[in-house]
Amino acid sequence: MVGHFRQGMIVTVPLPLWTLAKIPTGAAVHACIADHYAAIAGGFVEVAPLGDTSGLDPEQYNDTNRMRLHVFANDKTAQAALIAVYDNLGKGASGAAVQNLNLMLGVAANTSLAA
């Protein structure tokens, strides 16, 4: 999403669920994502309730390492969209690299990172 703001980002990833051999419902996709991120102690990712449009402000997480994921789905057409809201300057490649290294080493995701 491009807009008149100095930083912050909204990224949309379309999910053509109809291309899968076993088509999941939007609720199943949401539950899988929510369960995954809930299991990461000290993580920075929050998953919005299914279909929740609140918090789609690209500047919401400016100057933080946080991210909010939204799942929107249409079960009739077997399509979904995953939408991420985060600060592209706050998270950055170096912060993401440190966080991924923490996860690979089995230490808390927030080691050496500020929220």
PDB file of N, CA and C in Angstrom:
ATOM      1  N   MET A   1       0.849  -1.175   0.000  1.00  0.00           N
ATOM      2  CA  MET A   1       0.000   0.000   0.000  1.00  0.00           C
ATOM      3  C   MET A   1       0.892   1.234   0.000  1.00  0.00           C
ATOM      4  N   VAL A   2       0.613   2.141  -0.865  1.00  0.00           N
ATOM      5  CA  VAL A   2       1.373   3.380  -0.954  1.00  0.00           C
ATOM      6  C   VAL A   2       0.463   4.511  -0.502  1.00  0.00           C
ATOM      7  N   GLY A   3       1.001   5.405   0.313  1.00  0.00           N
ATOM      8  CA  GLY A   3       0.199   6.514   0.801  1.00  0.00           C
ATOM      9  C   GLY A   3       1.084   7.657   1.234  1.00  0.00           C
ATOM     10  N   HIS A   4       0.461   8.698   1.745  1.00  0.00           N
ATOM     11  CA  HIS A   4       1.179   9.890   2.177  1.00  0.00           C
ATOM     12  C   HIS A   4       1.529   9.759   3.661  1.00  0.00           C
ATOM     13  N   PHE A   5       2.523   8.927   3.945  1.00  0.00           N
ATOM     14  CA  PHE A   5       3.023   8.762   5.303  1.00  0.00           C
ATOM     15  C   PHE A   5       4.506   8.442   5.210  1.00  0.00           C
ATOM     16  N   ARG A   6       5.244   8.831   6.258  1.00  0.00           N
ATOM     17  CA  ARG A   6       6.698   8.742   6.187  1.00  0.00           C
ATOM     18  C   ARG A   6       7.215   7.321   6.362  1.00  0.00           C
ATOM     19  N   GLN A   7       6.523   6.495   7.118  1.00  0.00           N
ATOM     20  CA  GLN A   7       6.928   5.103   7.285  1.00  0.00           C
ATOM     21  C   GLN A   7       5.720   4.284   7.681  1.00  0.00           C
ATOM     22  N   GLY A   8       5.892   2.997   7.691  1.00  0.00           N
ATOM     23  CA  GLY A   8       4.780   2.094   7.959  1.00  0.00           C
ATOM     24  C   GLY A   8       4.350   1.449   6.659  1.00  0.00           C
ATOM     25  N   MET A   9       3.795   0.256   6.783  1.00  0.00           N
ATOM     26  CA  MET A   9       3.493  -0.505   5.585  1.00  0.00           C
ATOM     27  C   MET A   9       2.301  -1.426   5.792  1.00  0.00           C
ATOM     28  N   ILE A  10       1.558  -1.643   4.739  1.00  0.00           N
ATOM     29  CA  ILE A  10       0.541  -2.682   4.693  1.00  0.00           C
ATOM     30  C   ILE A  10       0.875  -3.541   3.477  1.00  0.00           C
ATOM     31  N   VAL A  11       1.057  -4.829   3.726  1.00  0.00           N
ATOM     32  CA  VAL A  11       1.402  -5.762   2.651  1.00  0.00           C
ATOM     33  C   VAL A  11       0.292  -6.800   2.562  1.00  0.00           C
ATOM     34  N   THR A  12      -0.199  -7.042   1.349  1.00  0.00           N
ATOM     35  CA  THR A  12      -1.260  -8.015   1.129  1.00  0.00           C
ATOM     36  C   THR A  12      -0.714  -9.201   0.339  1.00  0.00           C
ATOM     37  N   VAL A  13      -1.000 -10.405   0.843  1.00  0.00           N
ATOM     38  CA  VAL A  13      -0.607 -11.633   0.151  1.00  0.00           C
ATOM     39  C   VAL A  13      -1.890 -12.389  -0.186  1.00  0.00           C
ATOM     40  N   PRO A  14      -2.227 -12.489  -1.480  1.00  0.00           N
ATOM     41  CA  PRO A  14      -3.426 -13.245  -1.845  1.00  0.00           C
ATOM     42  C   PRO A  14      -3.175 -14.747  -1.679  1.00  0.00           C
ATOM     43  N   LEU A  15      -4.178 -15.443  -1.185  1.00  0.00           N
ATOM     44  CA  LEU A  15      -4.073 -16.887  -0.992  1.00  0.00           C
ATOM     45  C   LEU A  15      -5.174 -17.575  -1.807  1.00  0.00           C
ATOM     46  N   PRO A  16      -4.841 -18.076  -3.006  1.00  0.00           N
ATOM     47  CA  PRO A  16      -5.848 -18.784  -3.808  1.00  0.00           C
ATOM     48  C   PRO A  16      -6.039 -20.205  -3.277  1.00  0.00           C
ATOM     49  N   LEU A  17      -6.861 -20.340  -2.268  1.00  0.00           N
ATOM     50  CA  LEU A  17      -7.034 -21.618  -1.583  1.00  0.00           C
ATOM     51  C   LEU A  17      -7.566 -22.706  -2.514  1.00  0.00           C
ATOM     52  N   TRP A  18      -8.279 -22.318  -3.553  1.00  0.00           N
ATOM     53  CA  TRP A  18      -8.856 -23.267  -4.496  1.00  0.00           C
ATOM     54  C   TRP A  18      -7.784 -24.069  -5.242  1.00  0.00           C
ATOM     55  N   THR A  19      -6.537 -23.630  -5.195  1.00  0.00           N
ATOM     56  CA  THR A  19      -5.465 -24.356  -5.897  1.00  0.00           C
ATOM     57  C   THR A  19      -4.935 -25.539  -5.085  1.00  0.00           C
ATOM     58  N   LEU A  20      -5.338 -25.640  -3.832  1.00  0.00           N
ATOM     59  CA  LEU A  20      -4.859 -26.717  -2.972  1.00  0.00           C
ATOM     60  C   LEU A  20      -5.699 -27.982  -3.149  1.00  0.00           C
ATOM     61  N   ALA A  21      -5.085 -29.140  -2.945  1.00  0.00           N
ATOM     62  CA  ALA A  21      -5.793 -30.412  -3.074  1.00  0.00           C
ATOM     63  C   ALA A  21      -6.928 -30.507  -2.058  1.00  0.00           C
ATOM     64  N   LYS A  22      -6.658 -30.100  -0.814  1.00  0.00           N
ATOM     65  CA  LYS A  22      -7.693 -30.040   0.221  1.00  0.00           C
ATOM     66  C   LYS A  22      -7.863 -28.580   0.585  1.00  0.00           C
ATOM     67  N   ILE A  23      -9.012 -28.022   0.271  1.00  0.00           N
ATOM     68  CA  ILE A  23      -9.244 -26.584   0.445  1.00  0.00           C
ATOM     69  C   ILE A  23      -9.619 -26.278   1.897  1.00  0.00           C
ATOM     70  N   PRO A  24      -8.779 -25.487   2.594  1.00  0.00           N
ATOM     71  CA  PRO A  24      -9.116 -25.118   3.967  1.00  0.00           C
ATOM     72  C   PRO A  24     -10.127 -23.973   3.997  1.00  0.00           C
ATOM     73  N   THR A  25     -10.836 -23.862   5.081  1.00  0.00           N
ATOM     74  CA  THR A  25     -11.726 -22.716   5.263  1.00  0.00           C
ATOM     75  C   THR A  25     -10.886 -21.523   5.721  1.00  0.00           C
ATOM     76  N   GLY A  26     -11.454 -20.353   5.630  1.00  0.00           N
ATOM     77  CA  GLY A  26     -10.772 -19.164   6.133  1.00  0.00           C
ATOM     78  C   GLY A  26     -10.512 -19.274   7.624  1.00  0.00           C
ATOM     79  N   ALA A  27     -11.456 -19.858   8.352  1.00  0.00           N
ATOM     80  CA  ALA A  27     -11.290 -20.032   9.797  1.00  0.00           C
ATOM     81  C   ALA A  27     -10.117 -20.971  10.099  1.00  0.00           C
ATOM     82  N   ALA A  28      -9.935 -22.004   9.274  1.00  0.00           N
ATOM     83  CA  ALA A  28      -8.816 -22.937   9.483  1.00  0.00           C
ATOM     84  C   ALA A  28      -7.482 -22.256   9.210  1.00  0.00           C
ATOM     85  N   VAL A  29      -7.427 -21.445   8.160  1.00  0.00           N
ATOM     86  CA  VAL A  29      -6.198 -20.702   7.851  1.00  0.00           C
ATOM     87  C   VAL A  29      -5.874 -19.753   9.005  1.00  0.00           C
ATOM     88  N   HIS A  30      -6.884 -19.023   9.460  1.00  0.00           N
ATOM     89  CA  HIS A  30      -6.690 -18.083  10.565  1.00  0.00           C
ATOM     90  C   HIS A  30      -6.218 -18.809  11.820  1.00  0.00           C
ATOM     91  N   ALA A  31      -6.852 -19.923  12.156  1.00  0.00           N
ATOM     92  CA  ALA A  31      -6.485 -20.679  13.360  1.00  0.00           C
ATOM     93  C   ALA A  31      -5.043 -21.172  13.279  1.00  0.00           C
ATOM     94  N   CYS A  32      -4.636 -21.636  12.121  1.00  0.00           N
ATOM     95  CA  CYS A  32      -3.262 -22.121  11.938  1.00  0.00           C
ATOM     96  C   CYS A  32      -2.255 -20.997  12.181  1.00  0.00           C
ATOM     97  N   ILE A  33      -2.517 -19.842  11.598  1.00  0.00           N
ATOM     98  CA  ILE A  33      -1.614 -18.700  11.759  1.00  0.00           C
ATOM     99  C   ILE A  33      -1.620 -18.203  13.205  1.00  0.00           C
ATOM    100  N   ALA A  34      -2.803 -18.089  13.785  1.00  0.00           N
ATOM    101  CA  ALA A  34      -2.910 -17.605  15.164  1.00  0.00           C
ATOM    102  C   ALA A  34      -2.214 -18.557  16.133  1.00  0.00           C
ATOM    103  N   ASP A  35      -2.409 -19.856  15.957  1.00  0.00           N
ATOM    104  CA  ASP A  35      -1.767 -20.842  16.836  1.00  0.00           C
ATOM    105  C   ASP A  35      -0.252 -20.789  16.701  1.00  0.00           C
ATOM    106  N   HIS A  36       0.229 -20.645  15.479  1.00  0.00           N
ATOM    107  CA  HIS A  36       1.681 -20.588  15.247  1.00  0.00           C
ATOM    108  C   HIS A  36       2.304 -19.418  15.994  1.00  0.00           C
ATOM    109  N   TYR A  37       1.756 -18.233  15.825  1.00  0.00           N
ATOM    110  CA  TYR A  37       2.356 -17.052  16.453  1.00  0.00           C
ATOM    111  C   TYR A  37       2.109 -16.996  17.959  1.00  0.00           C
ATOM    112  N   ALA A  38       1.020 -17.569  18.431  1.00  0.00           N
ATOM    113  CA  ALA A  38       0.757 -17.605  19.871  1.00  0.00           C
ATOM    114  C   ALA A  38       1.774 -18.496  20.582  1.00  0.00           C
ATOM    115  N   ALA A  39       2.329 -19.469  19.872  1.00  0.00           N
ATOM    116  CA  ALA A  39       3.289 -20.401  20.470  1.00  0.00           C
ATOM    117  C   ALA A  39       4.689 -19.812  20.601  1.00  0.00           C
ATOM    118  N   ILE A  40       4.936 -18.645  20.038  1.00  0.00           N
ATOM    119  CA  ILE A  40       6.260 -18.031  20.105  1.00  0.00           C
ATOM    120  C   ILE A  40       6.307 -17.104  21.310  1.00  0.00           C
ATOM    121  N   ALA A  41       6.998 -17.556  22.350  1.00  0.00           N
ATOM    122  CA  ALA A  41       7.107 -16.755  23.574  1.00  0.00           C
ATOM    123  C   ALA A  41       7.879 -15.473  23.302  1.00  0.00           C
ATOM    124  N   GLY A  42       7.331 -14.357  23.737  1.00  0.00           N
ATOM    125  CA  GLY A  42       7.996 -13.070  23.550  1.00  0.00           C
ATOM    126  C   GLY A  42       7.996 -12.590  22.116  1.00  0.00           C
ATOM    127  N   GLY A  43       7.127 -13.153  21.290  1.00  0.00           N
ATOM    128  CA  GLY A  43       7.078 -12.771  19.880  1.00  0.00           C
ATOM    129  C   GLY A  43       6.540 -11.367  19.680  1.00  0.00           C
ATOM    130  N   PHE A  44       6.691 -10.884  18.478  1.00  0.00           N
ATOM    131  CA  PHE A  44       6.282  -9.520  18.146  1.00  0.00           C
ATOM    132  C   PHE A  44       5.077  -9.484  17.215  1.00  0.00           C
ATOM    133  N   VAL A  45       4.550 -10.646  16.863  1.00  0.00           N
ATOM    134  CA  VAL A  45       3.451 -10.711  15.901  1.00  0.00           C
ATOM    135  C   VAL A  45       2.146 -10.957  16.628  1.00  0.00           C
ATOM    136  N   GLU A  46       1.177 -10.125  16.339  1.00  0.00           N
ATOM    137  CA  GLU A  46      -0.177 -10.237  16.885  1.00  0.00           C
ATOM    138  C   GLU A  46      -1.088 -10.601  15.728  1.00  0.00           C
ATOM    139  N   VAL A  47      -1.996 -11.540  15.936  1.00  0.00           N
ATOM    140  CA  VAL A  47      -2.939 -11.942  14.891  1.00  0.00           C
ATOM    141  C   VAL A  47      -4.312 -11.394  15.247  1.00  0.00           C
ATOM    142  N   ALA A  48      -4.854 -10.596  14.356  1.00  0.00           N
ATOM    143  CA  ALA A  48      -6.177  -9.998  14.569  1.00  0.00           C
ATOM    144  C   ALA A  48      -7.255 -11.069  14.457  1.00  0.00           C
ATOM    145  N   PRO A  49      -8.401 -10.855  15.072  1.00  0.00           N
ATOM    146  CA  PRO A  49      -9.517 -11.793  14.886  1.00  0.00           C
ATOM    147  C   PRO A  49      -9.868 -11.904  13.397  1.00  0.00           C
ATOM    148  N   LEU A  50     -10.362 -13.050  12.994  1.00  0.00           N
ATOM    149  CA  LEU A  50     -10.696 -13.313  11.598  1.00  0.00           C
ATOM    150  C   LEU A  50     -11.621 -12.227  11.048  1.00  0.00           C
ATOM    151  N   GLY A  51     -11.220 -11.613   9.948  1.00  0.00           N
ATOM    152  CA  GLY A  51     -12.033 -10.600   9.288  1.00  0.00           C
ATOM    153  C   GLY A  51     -12.057  -9.246   9.953  1.00  0.00           C
ATOM    154  N   ASP A  52     -11.259  -9.044  10.981  1.00  0.00           N
ATOM    155  CA  ASP A  52     -11.236  -7.773  11.720  1.00  0.00           C
ATOM    156  C   ASP A  52     -10.564  -6.685  10.886  1.00  0.00           C
ATOM    157  N   THR A  53     -11.299  -5.626  10.613  1.00  0.00           N
ATOM    158  CA  THR A  53     -10.737  -4.530   9.808  1.00  0.00           C
ATOM    159  C   THR A  53     -10.123  -3.428  10.658  1.00  0.00           C
ATOM    160  N   SER A  54     -10.263  -3.502  11.981  1.00  0.00           N
ATOM    161  CA  SER A  54      -9.646  -2.475  12.813  1.00  0.00           C
ATOM    162  C   SER A  54      -8.136  -2.690  12.824  1.00  0.00           C
ATOM    163  N   GLY A  55      -7.396  -1.634  12.953  1.00  0.00           N
ATOM    164  CA  GLY A  55      -5.942  -1.754  12.995  1.00  0.00           C
ATOM    165  C   GLY A  55      -5.287  -1.838  11.626  1.00  0.00           C
ATOM    166  N   LEU A  56      -5.981  -1.425  10.581  1.00  0.00           N
ATOM    167  CA  LEU A  56      -5.381  -1.418   9.247  1.00  0.00           C
ATOM    168  C   LEU A  56      -4.753  -0.058   8.944  1.00  0.00           C
ATOM    169  N   ASP A  57      -4.159   0.540   9.952  1.00  0.00           N
ATOM    170  CA  ASP A  57      -3.479   1.825   9.832  1.00  0.00           C
ATOM    171  C   ASP A  57      -1.999   1.555   9.599  1.00  0.00           C
ATOM    172  N   PRO A  58      -1.446   1.951   8.456  1.00  0.00           N
ATOM    173  CA  PRO A  58      -0.044   1.635   8.155  1.00  0.00           C
ATOM    174  C   PRO A  58       0.953   2.247   9.125  1.00  0.00           C
ATOM    175  N   GLU A  59       0.540   3.283   9.861  1.00  0.00           N
ATOM    176  CA  GLU A  59       1.459   3.933  10.795  1.00  0.00           C
ATOM    177  C   GLU A  59       1.278   3.446  12.237  1.00  0.00           C
ATOM    178  N   GLN A  60       0.404   2.471  12.438  1.00  0.00           N
ATOM    179  CA  GLN A  60       0.075   1.985  13.774  1.00  0.00           C
ATOM    180  C   GLN A  60       1.294   1.491  14.543  1.00  0.00           C
ATOM    181  N   TYR A  61       2.229   0.855  13.865  1.00  0.00           N
ATOM    182  CA  TYR A  61       3.381   0.275  14.556  1.00  0.00           C
ATOM    183  C   TYR A  61       4.677   1.020  14.283  1.00  0.00           C
ATOM    184  N   ASN A  62       4.575   2.281  13.878  1.00  0.00           N
ATOM    185  CA  ASN A  62       5.789   3.063  13.638  1.00  0.00           C
ATOM    186  C   ASN A  62       6.687   3.062  14.870  1.00  0.00           C
ATOM    187  N   ASP A  63       7.969   2.950  14.602  1.00  0.00           N
ATOM    188  CA  ASP A  63       9.006   2.959  15.646  1.00  0.00           C
ATOM    189  C   ASP A  63       8.890   1.780  16.608  1.00  0.00           C
ATOM    190  N   THR A  64       8.339   0.666  16.129  1.00  0.00           N
ATOM    191  CA  THR A  64       8.289  -0.555  16.936  1.00  0.00           C
ATOM    192  C   THR A  64       8.800  -1.725  16.099  1.00  0.00           C
ATOM    193  N   ASN A  65       8.962  -2.844  16.748  1.00  0.00           N
ATOM    194  CA  ASN A  65       9.353  -4.089  16.089  1.00  0.00           C
ATOM    195  C   ASN A  65       8.123  -4.998  15.963  1.00  0.00           C
ATOM    196  N   ARG A  66       6.944  -4.459  16.147  1.00  0.00           N
ATOM    197  CA  ARG A  66       5.718  -5.245  16.167  1.00  0.00           C
ATOM    198  C   ARG A  66       5.088  -5.359  14.782  1.00  0.00           C
ATOM    199  N   MET A  67       4.248  -6.376  14.633  1.00  0.00           N
ATOM    200  CA  MET A  67       3.520  -6.572  13.388  1.00  0.00           C
ATOM    201  C   MET A  67       2.156  -7.167  13.725  1.00  0.00           C
ATOM    202  N   ARG A  68       1.137  -6.794  12.962  1.00  0.00           N
ATOM    203  CA  ARG A  68      -0.206  -7.343  13.142  1.00  0.00           C
ATOM    204  C   ARG A  68      -0.623  -8.005  11.842  1.00  0.00           C
ATOM    205  N   LEU A  69      -1.068  -9.248  11.934  1.00  0.00           N
ATOM    206  CA  LEU A  69      -1.536  -9.991  10.769  1.00  0.00           C
ATOM    207  C   LEU A  69      -3.055 -10.081  10.780  1.00  0.00           C
ATOM    208  N   HIS A  70      -3.638  -9.890   9.612  1.00  0.00           N
ATOM    209  CA  HIS A  70      -5.087 -10.010   9.429  1.00  0.00           C
ATOM    210  C   HIS A  70      -5.345 -11.088   8.391  1.00  0.00           C
ATOM    211  N   VAL A  71      -6.395 -11.867   8.601  1.00  0.00           N
ATOM    212  CA  VAL A  71      -6.818 -12.856   7.609  1.00  0.00           C
ATOM    213  C   VAL A  71      -8.243 -12.519   7.199  1.00  0.00           C
ATOM    214  N   PHE A  72      -8.437 -12.403   5.893  1.00  0.00           N
ATOM    215  CA  PHE A  72      -9.763 -12.184   5.326  1.00  0.00           C
ATOM    216  C   PHE A  72     -10.014 -13.335   4.357  1.00  0.00           C
ATOM    217  N   ALA A  73     -11.204 -13.897   4.377  1.00  0.00           N
ATOM    218  CA  ALA A  73     -11.460 -15.063   3.541  1.00  0.00           C
ATOM    219  C   ALA A  73     -12.879 -15.064   2.988  1.00  0.00           C
ATOM    220  N   ASN A  74     -13.010 -15.710   1.828  1.00  0.00           N
ATOM    221  CA  ASN A  74     -14.305 -15.965   1.223  1.00  0.00           C
ATOM    222  C   ASN A  74     -14.349 -17.466   0.961  1.00  0.00           C
ATOM    223  N   ASP A  75     -15.054 -18.192   1.818  1.00  0.00           N
ATOM    224  CA  ASP A  75     -15.104 -19.648   1.684  1.00  0.00           C
ATOM    225  C   ASP A  75     -15.833 -20.092   0.420  1.00  0.00           C
ATOM    226  N   LYS A  76     -16.784 -19.295  -0.062  1.00  0.00           N
ATOM    227  CA  LYS A  76     -17.530 -19.668  -1.273  1.00  0.00           C
ATOM    228  C   LYS A  76     -16.629 -19.694  -2.502  1.00  0.00           C
ATOM    229  N   THR A  77     -15.682 -18.776  -2.571  1.00  0.00           N
ATOM    230  CA  THR A  77     -14.772 -18.731  -3.728  1.00  0.00           C
ATOM    231  C   THR A  77     -13.417 -19.347  -3.415  1.00  0.00           C
ATOM    232  N   ALA A  78     -13.249 -19.833  -2.198  1.00  0.00           N
ATOM    233  CA  ALA A  78     -11.995 -20.458  -1.749  1.00  0.00           C
ATOM    234  C   ALA A  78     -10.803 -19.533  -1.976  1.00  0.00           C
ATOM    235  N   GLN A  79     -10.978 -18.297  -1.537  1.00  0.00           N
ATOM    236  CA  GLN A  79      -9.911 -17.300  -1.627  1.00  0.00           C
ATOM    237  C   GLN A  79      -9.736 -16.649  -0.265  1.00  0.00           C
ATOM    238  N   ALA A  80      -8.498 -16.246   0.011  1.00  0.00           N
ATOM    239  CA  ALA A  80      -8.211 -15.546   1.260  1.00  0.00           C
ATOM    240  C   ALA A  80      -7.117 -14.528   0.987  1.00  0.00           C
ATOM    241  N   ALA A  81      -6.962 -13.622   1.919  1.00  0.00           N
ATOM    242  CA  ALA A  81      -5.880 -12.635   1.842  1.00  0.00           C
ATOM    243  C   ALA A  81      -5.265 -12.524   3.225  1.00  0.00           C
ATOM    244  N   LEU A  82      -3.953 -12.525   3.264  1.00  0.00           N
ATOM    245  CA  LEU A  82      -3.202 -12.304   4.489  1.00  0.00           C
ATOM    246  C   LEU A  82      -2.656 -10.890   4.393  1.00  0.00           C
ATOM    247  N   ILE A  83      -2.956 -10.058   5.382  1.00  0.00           N
ATOM    248  CA  ILE A  83      -2.528  -8.663   5.364  1.00  0.00           C
ATOM    249  C   ILE A  83      -1.665  -8.393   6.588  1.00  0.00           C
ATOM    250  N   ALA A  84      -0.471  -7.863   6.355  1.00  0.00           N
ATOM    251  CA  ALA A  84       0.470  -7.551   7.434  1.00  0.00           C
ATOM    252  C   ALA A  84       0.595  -6.041   7.561  1.00  0.00           C
ATOM    253  N   VAL A  85       0.545  -5.557   8.793  1.00  0.00           N
ATOM    254  CA  VAL A  85       0.736  -4.140   9.088  1.00  0.00           C
ATOM    255  C   VAL A  85       1.977  -4.038   9.976  1.00  0.00           C
ATOM    256  N   TYR A  86       2.979  -3.290   9.522  1.00  0.00           N
ATOM    257  CA  TYR A  86       4.212  -3.151  10.302  1.00  0.00           C
ATOM    258  C   TYR A  86       4.979  -1.916   9.857  1.00  0.00           C
ATOM    259  N   ASP A  87       5.994  -1.582  10.619  1.00  0.00           N
ATOM    260  CA  ASP A  87       6.864  -0.457  10.289  1.00  0.00           C
ATOM    261  C   ASP A  87       8.059  -1.003   9.522  1.00  0.00           C
ATOM    262  N   ASN A  88       8.126  -0.709   8.260  1.00  0.00           N
ATOM    263  CA  ASN A  88       9.215  -1.218   7.434  1.00  0.00           C
ATOM    264  C   ASN A  88      10.573  -0.687   7.875  1.00  0.00           C
ATOM    265  N   LEU A  89      10.607   0.424   8.585  1.00  0.00           N
ATOM    266  CA  LEU A  89      11.881   0.960   9.084  1.00  0.00           C
ATOM    267  C   LEU A  89      12.169   0.448  10.493  1.00  0.00           C
ATOM    268  N   GLY A  90      11.132   0.244  11.300  1.00  0.00           N
ATOM    269  CA  GLY A  90      11.324  -0.232  12.666  1.00  0.00           C
ATOM    270  C   GLY A  90      11.766  -1.684  12.707  1.00  0.00           C
ATOM    271  N   LYS A  91      11.117  -2.524  11.912  1.00  0.00           N
ATOM    272  CA  LYS A  91      11.474  -3.944  11.869  1.00  0.00           C
ATOM    273  C   LYS A  91      12.783  -4.078  11.119  1.00  0.00           C
ATOM    274  N   GLY A  92      12.799  -3.703   9.889  1.00  0.00           N
ATOM    275  CA  GLY A  92      14.015  -3.715   9.091  1.00  0.00           C
ATOM    276  C   GLY A  92      14.632  -5.094   8.939  1.00  0.00           C
ATOM    277  N   ALA A  93      15.529  -5.219   8.004  1.00  0.00           N
ATOM    278  CA  ALA A  93      16.179  -6.491   7.728  1.00  0.00           C
ATOM    279  C   ALA A  93      17.075  -6.941   8.873  1.00  0.00           C
ATOM    280  N   SER A  94      17.766  -6.009   9.521  1.00  0.00           N
ATOM    281  CA  SER A  94      18.675  -6.415  10.597  1.00  0.00           C
ATOM    282  C   SER A  94      17.906  -6.923  11.808  1.00  0.00           C
ATOM    283  N   GLY A  95      16.804  -6.250  12.159  1.00  0.00           N
ATOM    284  CA  GLY A  95      15.983  -6.720  13.276  1.00  0.00           C
ATOM    285  C   GLY A  95      15.372  -8.080  12.984  1.00  0.00           C
ATOM    286  N   ALA A  96      14.924  -8.276  11.751  1.00  0.00           N
ATOM    287  CA  ALA A  96      14.356  -9.569  11.361  1.00  0.00           C
ATOM    288  C   ALA A  96      15.422 -10.653  11.402  1.00  0.00           C
ATOM    289  N   ALA A  97      16.635 -10.325  10.987  1.00  0.00           N
ATOM    290  CA  ALA A  97      17.731 -11.306  11.007  1.00  0.00           C
ATOM    291  C   ALA A  97      18.046 -11.730  12.440  1.00  0.00           C
ATOM    292  N   VAL A  98      18.107 -10.772  13.364  1.00  0.00           N
ATOM    293  CA  VAL A  98      18.380 -11.102  14.765  1.00  0.00           C
ATOM    294  C   VAL A  98      17.249 -11.960  15.326  1.00  0.00           C
ATOM    295  N   GLN A  99      16.018 -11.604  15.024  1.00  0.00           N
ATOM    296  CA  GLN A  99      14.882 -12.372  15.520  1.00  0.00           C
ATOM    297  C   GLN A  99      14.906 -13.792  14.968  1.00  0.00           C
ATOM    298  N   ASN A 100      15.190 -13.967  13.690  1.00  0.00           N
ATOM    299  CA  ASN A 100      15.268 -15.306  13.098  1.00  0.00           C
ATOM    300  C   ASN A 100      16.408 -16.112  13.701  1.00  0.00           C
ATOM    301  N   LEU A 101      17.535 -15.476  13.945  1.00  0.00           N
ATOM    302  CA  LEU A 101      18.662 -16.150  14.588  1.00  0.00           C
ATOM    303  C   LEU A 101      18.268 -16.620  15.984  1.00  0.00           C
ATOM    304  N   ASN A 102      17.572 -15.771  16.732  1.00  0.00           N
ATOM    305  CA  ASN A 102      17.091 -16.151  18.058  1.00  0.00           C
ATOM    306  C   ASN A 102      16.218 -17.397  17.980  1.00  0.00           C
ATOM    307  N   LEU A 103      15.306 -17.417  17.012  1.00  0.00           N
ATOM    308  CA  LEU A 103      14.407 -18.560  16.874  1.00  0.00           C
ATOM    309  C   LEU A 103      15.172 -19.825  16.505  1.00  0.00           C
ATOM    310  N   MET A 104      16.160 -19.708  15.610  1.00  0.00           N
ATOM    311  CA  MET A 104      16.952 -20.875  15.211  1.00  0.00           C
ATOM    312  C   MET A 104      17.800 -21.406  16.358  1.00  0.00           C
ATOM    313  N   LEU A 105      18.255 -20.520  17.232  1.00  0.00           N
ATOM    314  CA  LEU A 105      19.083 -20.924  18.369  1.00  0.00           C
ATOM    315  C   LEU A 105      18.251 -21.387  19.559  1.00  0.00           C
ATOM    316  N   GLY A 106      16.938 -21.224  19.471  1.00  0.00           N
ATOM    317  CA  GLY A 106      16.063 -21.670  20.534  1.00  0.00           C
ATOM    318  C   GLY A 106      16.012 -20.731  21.724  1.00  0.00           C
ATOM    319  N   VAL A 107      16.421 -19.472  21.543  1.00  0.00           N
ATOM    320  CA  VAL A 107      16.316 -18.500  22.630  1.00  0.00           C
ATOM    321  C   VAL A 107      15.065 -17.649  22.399  1.00  0.00           C
ATOM    322  N   ALA A 108      14.692 -16.878  23.368  1.00  0.00           N
ATOM    323  CA  ALA A 108      13.493 -16.042  23.253  1.00  0.00           C
ATOM    324  C   ALA A 108      13.586 -15.140  22.020  1.00  0.00           C
ATOM    325  N   ALA A 109      12.484 -15.011  21.315  1.00  0.00           N
ATOM    326  CA  ALA A 109      12.448 -14.225  20.087  1.00  0.00           C
ATOM    327  C   ALA A 109      12.869 -12.780  20.305  1.00  0.00           C
ATOM    328  N   ASN A 110      12.664 -12.277  21.517  1.00  0.00           N
ATOM    329  CA  ASN A 110      12.942 -10.866  21.780  1.00  0.00           C
ATOM    330  C   ASN A 110      14.326 -10.607  22.374  1.00  0.00           C
ATOM    331  N   THR A 111      15.186 -11.619  22.412  1.00  0.00           N
ATOM    332  CA  THR A 111      16.544 -11.423  22.934  1.00  0.00           C
ATOM    333  C   THR A 111      17.275 -10.386  22.089  1.00  0.00           C
ATOM    334  N   SER A 112      17.784  -9.364  22.738  1.00  0.00           N
ATOM    335  CA  SER A 112      18.527  -8.264  22.090  1.00  0.00           C
ATOM    336  C   SER A 112      17.669  -7.403  21.176  1.00  0.00           C
ATOM    337  N   LEU A 113      16.361  -7.476  21.309  1.00  0.00           N
ATOM    338  CA  LEU A 113      15.462  -6.653  20.489  1.00  0.00           C
ATOM    339  C   LEU A 113      14.481  -5.932  21.403  1.00  0.00           C
ATOM    340  N   ALA A 114      14.158  -4.718  21.058  1.00  0.00           N
ATOM    341  CA  ALA A 114      13.148  -3.960  21.791  1.00  0.00           C
ATOM    342  C   ALA A 114      11.825  -4.059  21.051  1.00  0.00           C
ATOM    343  N   ALA A 115      10.733  -4.069  21.793  1.00  0.00           N
ATOM    344  CA  ALA A 115       9.421  -4.136  21.164  1.00  0.00           C
ATOM    345  C   ALA A 115       9.127  -2.825  20.501  1.00  0.00           C
TER     346      ALA A 115
END
